[in-house]
Amino acid sequence: MPAKERVGFVVSDKMNKTVVVAIENRSPHPKYGKIVVNTKRYKAHDEENKCREGDRVRIRETRPLSRTKRWTVTEIISSSSQT
């Protein structure tokens, strides 16, 4: 079975070798049909500390790396425009 992959935005890069990635899931409400946005935050391993807040990244599920970290950053899709 292939590893799960998700695409989201980095919302925090304050930890060493770890980033927090927010993933949005948009789905219609079962009864009313309005689009509801659910956000889930994952801690992901970033070995080179390359990710910055606002970057769009792809993360992949991996073995447990710490108590809360089960994902790793595979690629930076687009960088934020901060300098």
PDB file of N, CA and C in Angstrom:
ATOM      1  N   MET A   1       0.845  -1.176   0.000  1.00  0.00           N
ATOM      2  CA  MET A   1       0.000   0.000   0.000  1.00  0.00           C
ATOM      3  C   MET A   1       0.892   1.241   0.000  1.00  0.00           C
ATOM      4  N   PRO A   2       0.646   2.194  -0.924  1.00  0.00           N
ATOM      5  CA  PRO A   2       1.494   3.376  -0.987  1.00  0.00           C
ATOM      6  C   PRO A   2       1.266   4.294   0.213  1.00  0.00           C
ATOM      7  N   ALA A   3       2.302   5.084   0.522  1.00  0.00           N
ATOM      8  CA  ALA A   3       2.210   6.022   1.643  1.00  0.00           C
ATOM      9  C   ALA A   3       1.256   7.159   1.287  1.00  0.00           C
ATOM     10  N   LYS A   4       0.537   7.659   2.291  1.00  0.00           N
ATOM     11  CA  LYS A   4      -0.379   8.773   2.072  1.00  0.00           C
ATOM     12  C   LYS A   4       0.409  10.039   1.805  1.00  0.00           C
ATOM     13  N   GLU A   5      -0.116  10.874   0.911  1.00  0.00           N
ATOM     14  CA  GLU A   5       0.489  12.166   0.620  1.00  0.00           C
ATOM     15  C   GLU A   5      -0.568  13.242   0.737  1.00  0.00           C
ATOM     16  N   ARG A   6      -0.160  14.412   1.230  1.00  0.00           N
ATOM     17  CA  ARG A   6      -1.053  15.551   1.381  1.00  0.00           C
ATOM     18  C   ARG A   6      -0.324  16.801   0.909  1.00  0.00           C
ATOM     19  N   VAL A   7      -1.085  17.825   0.497  1.00  0.00           N
ATOM     20  CA  VAL A   7      -0.529  19.116   0.101  1.00  0.00           C
ATOM     21  C   VAL A   7      -1.155  20.171   0.988  1.00  0.00           C
ATOM     22  N   GLY A   8      -0.314  21.030   1.564  1.00  0.00           N
ATOM     23  CA  GLY A   8      -0.823  22.074   2.443  1.00  0.00           C
ATOM     24  C   GLY A   8       0.164  23.210   2.592  1.00  0.00           C
ATOM     25  N   PHE A   9      -0.158  24.139   3.497  1.00  0.00           N
ATOM     26  CA  PHE A   9       0.658  25.316   3.722  1.00  0.00           C
ATOM     27  C   PHE A   9       1.348  25.240   5.069  1.00  0.00           C
ATOM     28  N   VAL A  10       2.596  25.691   5.116  1.00  0.00           N
ATOM     29  CA  VAL A  10       3.348  25.741   6.364  1.00  0.00           C
ATOM     30  C   VAL A  10       2.811  26.904   7.186  1.00  0.00           C
ATOM     31  N   VAL A  11       2.360  26.617   8.416  1.00  0.00           N
ATOM     32  CA  VAL A  11       1.838  27.671   9.283  1.00  0.00           C
ATOM     33  C   VAL A  11       2.800  28.000  10.415  1.00  0.00           C
ATOM     34  N   SER A  12       3.802  27.147  10.661  1.00  0.00           N
ATOM     35  CA  SER A  12       4.799  27.431  11.687  1.00  0.00           C
ATOM     36  C   SER A  12       6.102  26.729  11.330  1.00  0.00           C
ATOM     37  N   ASP A  13       7.211  27.474  11.466  1.00  0.00           N
ATOM     38  CA  ASP A  13       8.530  26.889  11.230  1.00  0.00           C
ATOM     39  C   ASP A  13       9.475  27.216  12.386  1.00  0.00           C
ATOM     40  N   LYS A  14       8.927  27.396  13.578  1.00  0.00           N
ATOM     41  CA  LYS A  14       9.719  27.826  14.726  1.00  0.00           C
ATOM     42  C   LYS A  14      10.534  26.694  15.359  1.00  0.00           C
ATOM     43  N   MET A  15      10.157  25.449  15.117  1.00  0.00           N
ATOM     44  CA  MET A  15      10.882  24.327  15.703  1.00  0.00           C
ATOM     45  C   MET A  15      12.070  23.933  14.832  1.00  0.00           C
ATOM     46  N   ASN A  16      13.034  23.265  15.430  1.00  0.00           N
ATOM     47  CA  ASN A  16      14.208  22.811  14.693  1.00  0.00           C
ATOM     48  C   ASN A  16      13.875  21.512  13.964  1.00  0.00           C
ATOM     49  N   LYS A  17      14.048  21.493  12.637  1.00  0.00           N
ATOM     50  CA  LYS A  17      13.798  20.338  11.771  1.00  0.00           C
ATOM     51  C   LYS A  17      12.344  19.879  11.780  1.00  0.00           C
ATOM     52  N   THR A  18      11.415  20.754  12.169  1.00  0.00           N
ATOM     53  CA  THR A  18       9.991  20.414  12.184  1.00  0.00           C
ATOM     54  C   THR A  18       9.184  21.608  11.707  1.00  0.00           C
ATOM     55  N   VAL A  19       8.179  21.341  10.881  1.00  0.00           N
ATOM     56  CA  VAL A  19       7.238  22.382  10.464  1.00  0.00           C
ATOM     57  C   VAL A  19       5.824  21.897  10.742  1.00  0.00           C
ATOM     58  N   VAL A  20       4.913  22.841  10.927  1.00  0.00           N
ATOM     59  CA  VAL A  20       3.506  22.515  11.101  1.00  0.00           C
ATOM     60  C   VAL A  20       2.813  22.855   9.790  1.00  0.00           C
ATOM     61  N   VAL A  21       2.133  21.872   9.197  1.00  0.00           N
ATOM     62  CA  VAL A  21       1.481  22.028   7.903  1.00  0.00           C
ATOM     63  C   VAL A  21      -0.026  21.930   8.094  1.00  0.00           C
ATOM     64  N   ALA A  22      -0.750  22.933   7.588  1.00  0.00           N
ATOM     65  CA  ALA A  22      -2.212  22.948   7.671  1.00  0.00           C
ATOM     66  C   ALA A  22      -2.783  22.437   6.356  1.00  0.00           C
ATOM     67  N   ILE A  23      -3.672  21.460   6.451  1.00  0.00           N
ATOM     68  CA  ILE A  23      -4.317  20.852   5.279  1.00  0.00           C
ATOM     69  C   ILE A  23      -5.805  21.176   5.344  1.00  0.00           C
ATOM     70  N   GLU A  24      -6.335  21.763   4.278  1.00  0.00           N
ATOM     71  CA  GLU A  24      -7.758  22.094   4.223  1.00  0.00           C
ATOM     72  C   GLU A  24      -8.521  20.994   3.503  1.00  0.00           C
ATOM     73  N   ASN A  25      -9.656  20.609   4.065  1.00  0.00           N
ATOM     74  CA  ASN A  25     -10.545  19.651   3.433  1.00  0.00           C
ATOM     75  C   ASN A  25     -11.888  20.339   3.214  1.00  0.00           C
ATOM     76  N   ARG A  26     -12.268  20.535   1.969  1.00  0.00           N
ATOM     77  CA  ARG A  26     -13.531  21.191   1.648  1.00  0.00           C
ATOM     78  C   ARG A  26     -14.541  20.132   1.222  1.00  0.00           C
ATOM     79  N   SER A  27     -15.674  20.101   1.918  1.00  0.00           N
ATOM     80  CA  SER A  27     -16.694  19.115   1.584  1.00  0.00           C
ATOM     81  C   SER A  27     -18.072  19.724   1.839  1.00  0.00           C
ATOM     82  N   PRO A  28     -19.070  19.312   1.073  1.00  0.00           N
ATOM     83  CA  PRO A  28     -20.411  19.850   1.300  1.00  0.00           C
ATOM     84  C   PRO A  28     -21.040  19.273   2.559  1.00  0.00           C
ATOM     85  N   HIS A  29     -21.809  20.093   3.238  1.00  0.00           N
ATOM     86  CA  HIS A  29     -22.548  19.639   4.417  1.00  0.00           C
ATOM     87  C   HIS A  29     -23.567  18.604   3.954  1.00  0.00           C
ATOM     88  N   PRO A  30     -23.710  17.485   4.687  1.00  0.00           N
ATOM     89  CA  PRO A  30     -24.595  16.413   4.213  1.00  0.00           C
ATOM     90  C   PRO A  30     -26.051  16.836   4.037  1.00  0.00           C
ATOM     91  N   LYS A  31     -26.543  17.716   4.887  1.00  0.00           N
ATOM     92  CA  LYS A  31     -27.949  18.102   4.804  1.00  0.00           C
ATOM     93  C   LYS A  31     -28.158  19.396   4.030  1.00  0.00           C
ATOM     94  N   TYR A  32     -27.335  20.408   4.296  1.00  0.00           N
ATOM     95  CA  TYR A  32     -27.592  21.742   3.752  1.00  0.00           C
ATOM     96  C   TYR A  32     -26.816  22.060   2.493  1.00  0.00           C
ATOM     97  N   GLY A  33     -25.780  21.291   2.188  1.00  0.00           N
ATOM     98  CA  GLY A  33     -25.077  21.468   0.925  1.00  0.00           C
ATOM     99  C   GLY A  33     -24.034  22.566   0.916  1.00  0.00           C
ATOM    100  N   LYS A  34     -23.945  23.375   1.964  1.00  0.00           N
ATOM    101  CA  LYS A  34     -22.940  24.433   2.009  1.00  0.00           C
ATOM    102  C   LYS A  34     -21.556  23.812   2.122  1.00  0.00           C
ATOM    103  N   ILE A  35     -20.568  24.410   1.443  1.00  0.00           N
ATOM    104  CA  ILE A  35     -19.200  23.917   1.505  1.00  0.00           C
ATOM    105  C   ILE A  35     -18.616  24.283   2.869  1.00  0.00           C
ATOM    106  N   VAL A  36     -18.176  23.256   3.594  1.00  0.00           N
ATOM    107  CA  VAL A  36     -17.593  23.434   4.921  1.00  0.00           C
ATOM    108  C   VAL A  36     -16.098  23.164   4.811  1.00  0.00           C
ATOM    109  N   VAL A  37     -15.287  24.047   5.415  1.00  0.00           N
ATOM    110  CA  VAL A  37     -13.836  23.901   5.371  1.00  0.00           C
ATOM    111  C   VAL A  37     -13.357  23.374   6.717  1.00  0.00           C
ATOM    112  N   ASN A  38     -12.740  22.197   6.705  1.00  0.00           N
ATOM    113  CA  ASN A  38     -12.118  21.629   7.899  1.00  0.00           C
ATOM    114  C   ASN A  38     -10.611  21.709   7.730  1.00  0.00           C
ATOM    115  N   THR A  39      -9.907  22.204   8.748  1.00  0.00           N
ATOM    116  CA  THR A  39      -8.459  22.322   8.697  1.00  0.00           C
ATOM    117  C   THR A  39      -7.836  21.381   9.713  1.00  0.00           C
ATOM    118  N   LYS A  40      -6.858  20.614   9.262  1.00  0.00           N
ATOM    119  CA  LYS A  40      -6.124  19.716  10.144  1.00  0.00           C
ATOM    120  C   LYS A  40      -4.648  20.080  10.058  1.00  0.00           C
ATOM    121  N   ARG A  41      -3.977  20.065  11.202  1.00  0.00           N
ATOM    122  CA  ARG A  41      -2.570  20.447  11.258  1.00  0.00           C
ATOM    123  C   ARG A  41      -1.714  19.218  11.546  1.00  0.00           C
ATOM    124  N   TYR A  42      -0.654  19.058  10.750  1.00  0.00           N
ATOM    125  CA  TYR A  42       0.271  17.938  10.911  1.00  0.00           C
ATOM    126  C   TYR A  42       1.663  18.479  11.194  1.00  0.00           C
ATOM    127  N   LYS A  43       2.415  17.812  12.062  1.00  0.00           N
ATOM    128  CA  LYS A  43       3.826  18.127  12.256  1.00  0.00           C
ATOM    129  C   LYS A  43       4.617  17.254  11.286  1.00  0.00           C
ATOM    130  N   ALA A  44       5.502  17.893  10.526  1.00  0.00           N
ATOM    131  CA  ALA A  44       6.263  17.183   9.500  1.00  0.00           C
ATOM    132  C   ALA A  44       7.758  17.441   9.681  1.00  0.00           C
ATOM    133  N   HIS A  45       8.559  16.432   9.368  1.00  0.00           N
ATOM    134  CA  HIS A  45      10.017  16.511   9.502  1.00  0.00           C
ATOM    135  C   HIS A  45      10.598  17.254   8.304  1.00  0.00           C
ATOM    136  N   ASP A  46      11.439  18.258   8.585  1.00  0.00           N
ATOM    137  CA  ASP A  46      12.108  19.057   7.549  1.00  0.00           C
ATOM    138  C   ASP A  46      13.599  19.042   7.871  1.00  0.00           C
ATOM    139  N   GLU A  47      14.335  18.105   7.284  1.00  0.00           N
ATOM    140  CA  GLU A  47      15.727  17.843   7.659  1.00  0.00           C
ATOM    141  C   GLU A  47      16.634  19.056   7.492  1.00  0.00           C
ATOM    142  N   GLU A  48      16.510  19.800   6.379  1.00  0.00           N
ATOM    143  CA  GLU A  48      17.422  20.913   6.117  1.00  0.00           C
ATOM    144  C   GLU A  48      16.896  22.262   6.593  1.00  0.00           C
ATOM    145  N   ASN A  49      15.748  22.304   7.260  1.00  0.00           N
ATOM    146  CA  ASN A  49      15.121  23.561   7.701  1.00  0.00           C
ATOM    147  C   ASN A  49      14.926  24.525   6.538  1.00  0.00           C
ATOM    148  N   LYS A  50      14.519  24.014   5.359  1.00  0.00           N
ATOM    149  CA  LYS A  50      14.335  24.853   4.176  1.00  0.00           C
ATOM    150  C   LYS A  50      12.962  25.513   4.130  1.00  0.00           C
ATOM    151  N   CYS A  51      11.960  24.888   4.710  1.00  0.00           N
ATOM    152  CA  CYS A  51      10.590  25.404   4.625  1.00  0.00           C
ATOM    153  C   CYS A  51      10.433  26.664   5.453  1.00  0.00           C
ATOM    154  N   ARG A  52       9.684  27.610   4.909  1.00  0.00           N
ATOM    155  CA  ARG A  52       9.366  28.846   5.599  1.00  0.00           C
ATOM    156  C   ARG A  52       7.867  28.977   5.720  1.00  0.00           C
ATOM    157  N   GLU A  53       7.419  29.807   6.631  1.00  0.00           N
ATOM    158  CA  GLU A  53       5.991  30.022   6.848  1.00  0.00           C
ATOM    159  C   GLU A  53       5.368  30.571   5.565  1.00  0.00           C
ATOM    160  N   GLY A  54       4.260  29.959   5.144  1.00  0.00           N
ATOM    161  CA  GLY A  54       3.574  30.371   3.923  1.00  0.00           C
ATOM    162  C   GLY A  54       3.890  29.515   2.711  1.00  0.00           C
ATOM    163  N   ASP A  55       4.911  28.668   2.787  1.00  0.00           N
ATOM    164  CA  ASP A  55       5.261  27.792   1.665  1.00  0.00           C
ATOM    165  C   ASP A  55       4.179  26.741   1.457  1.00  0.00           C
ATOM    166  N   ARG A  56       3.972  26.364   0.192  1.00  0.00           N
ATOM    167  CA  ARG A  56       3.067  25.259  -0.132  1.00  0.00           C
ATOM    168  C   ARG A  56       3.936  24.016  -0.288  1.00  0.00           C
ATOM    169  N   VAL A  57       3.651  22.964   0.499  1.00  0.00           N
ATOM    170  CA  VAL A  57       4.513  21.785   0.527  1.00  0.00           C
ATOM    171  C   VAL A  57       3.705  20.510   0.361  1.00  0.00           C
ATOM    172  N   ARG A  58       4.415  19.455  -0.067  1.00  0.00           N
ATOM    173  CA  ARG A  58       3.836  18.119  -0.136  1.00  0.00           C
ATOM    174  C   ARG A  58       4.471  17.302   0.986  1.00  0.00           C
ATOM    175  N   ILE A  59       3.631  16.625   1.790  1.00  0.00           N
ATOM    176  CA  ILE A  59       4.141  15.811   2.891  1.00  0.00           C
ATOM    177  C   ILE A  59       3.728  14.360   2.661  1.00  0.00           C
ATOM    178  N   ARG A  60       4.541  13.440   3.179  1.00  0.00           N
ATOM    179  CA  ARG A  60       4.289  12.006   3.022  1.00  0.00           C
ATOM    180  C   ARG A  60       4.313  11.345   4.387  1.00  0.00           C
ATOM    181  N   GLU A  61       3.415  10.407   4.593  1.00  0.00           N
ATOM    182  CA  GLU A  61       3.351   9.670   5.851  1.00  0.00           C
ATOM    183  C   GLU A  61       4.575   8.769   5.980  1.00  0.00           C
ATOM    184  N   THR A  62       5.085   8.651   7.218  1.00  0.00           N
ATOM    185  CA  THR A  62       6.267   7.847   7.476  1.00  0.00           C
ATOM    186  C   THR A  62       6.148   7.200   8.851  1.00  0.00           C
ATOM    187  N   ARG A  63       7.175   6.501   9.255  1.00  0.00           N
ATOM    188  CA  ARG A  63       7.169   5.882  10.587  1.00  0.00           C
ATOM    189  C   ARG A  63       7.171   6.985  11.647  1.00  0.00           C
ATOM    190  N   PRO A  64       6.774   6.683  12.878  1.00  0.00           N
ATOM    191  CA  PRO A  64       6.809   7.707  13.926  1.00  0.00           C
ATOM    192  C   PRO A  64       8.240   8.198  14.175  1.00  0.00           C
ATOM    193  N   LEU A  65       8.426   9.512  14.051  1.00  0.00           N
ATOM    194  CA  LEU A  65       9.733  10.115  14.273  1.00  0.00           C
ATOM    195  C   LEU A  65       9.848  10.712  15.670  1.00  0.00           C
ATOM    196  N   SER A  66       8.726  11.034  16.268  1.00  0.00           N
ATOM    197  CA  SER A  66       8.685  11.516  17.648  1.00  0.00           C
ATOM    198  C   SER A  66       7.269  11.255  18.160  1.00  0.00           C
ATOM    199  N   ARG A  67       6.942  11.841  19.300  1.00  0.00           N
ATOM    200  CA  ARG A  67       5.626  11.586  19.886  1.00  0.00           C
ATOM    201  C   ARG A  67       4.490  12.051  18.980  1.00  0.00           C
ATOM    202  N   THR A  68       4.660  13.179  18.292  1.00  0.00           N
ATOM    203  CA  THR A  68       3.578  13.727  17.466  1.00  0.00           C
ATOM    204  C   THR A  68       3.927  13.818  15.989  1.00  0.00           C
ATOM    205  N   LYS A  69       5.144  13.475  15.593  1.00  0.00           N
ATOM    206  CA  LYS A  69       5.592  13.668  14.217  1.00  0.00           C
ATOM    207  C   LYS A  69       5.567  12.353  13.448  1.00  0.00           C
ATOM    208  N   ARG A  70       4.661  12.258  12.457  1.00  0.00           N
ATOM    209  CA  ARG A  70       4.531  11.053  11.635  1.00  0.00           C
ATOM    210  C   ARG A  70       4.577  11.354  10.140  1.00  0.00           C
ATOM    211  N   TRP A  71       4.962  12.547   9.757  1.00  0.00           N
ATOM    212  CA  TRP A  71       5.004  12.976   8.364  1.00  0.00           C
ATOM    213  C   TRP A  71       6.362  13.579   8.064  1.00  0.00           C
ATOM    214  N   THR A  72       6.752  13.566   6.788  1.00  0.00           N
ATOM    215  CA  THR A  72       7.991  14.195   6.362  1.00  0.00           C
ATOM    216  C   THR A  72       7.727  15.016   5.106  1.00  0.00           C
ATOM    217  N   VAL A  73       8.435  16.134   4.965  1.00  0.00           N
ATOM    218  CA  VAL A  73       8.287  17.010   3.804  1.00  0.00           C
ATOM    219  C   VAL A  73       9.019  16.380   2.636  1.00  0.00           C
ATOM    220  N   THR A  74       8.304  16.164   1.512  1.00  0.00           N
ATOM    221  CA  THR A  74       8.946  15.578   0.342  1.00  0.00           C
ATOM    222  C   THR A  74       9.369  16.642  -0.664  1.00  0.00           C
ATOM    223  N   GLU A  75       8.586  17.704  -0.807  1.00  0.00           N
ATOM    224  CA  GLU A  75       8.982  18.768  -1.730  1.00  0.00           C
ATOM    225  C   GLU A  75       8.277  20.069  -1.374  1.00  0.00           C
ATOM    226  N   ILE A  76       8.935  21.169  -1.747  1.00  0.00           N
ATOM    227  CA  ILE A  76       8.346  22.499  -1.616  1.00  0.00           C
ATOM    228  C   ILE A  76       7.766  22.839  -2.975  1.00  0.00           C
ATOM    229  N   ILE A  77       6.443  22.943  -3.061  1.00  0.00           N
ATOM    230  CA  ILE A  77       5.776  23.192  -4.342  1.00  0.00           C
ATOM    231  C   ILE A  77       5.953  24.658  -4.751  1.00  0.00           C
ATOM    232  N   SER A  78       5.680  25.575  -3.822  1.00  0.00           N
ATOM    233  CA  SER A  78       5.913  26.997  -4.112  1.00  0.00           C
ATOM    234  C   SER A  78       6.332  27.687  -2.830  1.00  0.00           C
ATOM    235  N   SER A  79       7.269  28.619  -2.976  1.00  0.00           N
ATOM    236  CA  SER A  79       7.779  29.344  -1.819  1.00  0.00           C
ATOM    237  C   SER A  79       6.950  30.588  -1.576  1.00  0.00           C
ATOM    238  N   SER A  80       6.927  31.022  -0.315  1.00  0.00           N
ATOM    239  CA  SER A  80       6.240  32.269   0.004  1.00  0.00           C
ATOM    240  C   SER A  80       7.060  33.428  -0.518  1.00  0.00           C
ATOM    241  N   SER A  81       6.443  34.575  -0.694  1.00  0.00           N
ATOM    242  CA  SER A  81       7.121  35.729  -1.268  1.00  0.00           C
ATOM    243  C   SER A  81       7.833  36.573  -0.218  1.00  0.00           C
ATOM    244  N   GLN A  82       8.055  36.015   0.982  1.00  0.00           N
ATOM    245  CA  GLN A  82       8.765  36.746   2.033  1.00  0.00           C
ATOM    246  C   GLN A  82      10.257  36.738   1.737  1.00  0.00           C
ATOM    247  N   THR A  83      10.920  37.831   2.055  1.00  0.00           N
ATOM    248  CA  THR A  83      12.380  37.886   1.872  1.00  0.00           C
ATOM    249  C   THR A  83      13.055  38.378   3.120  1.00  0.00           C
TER     250      THR A  83
END
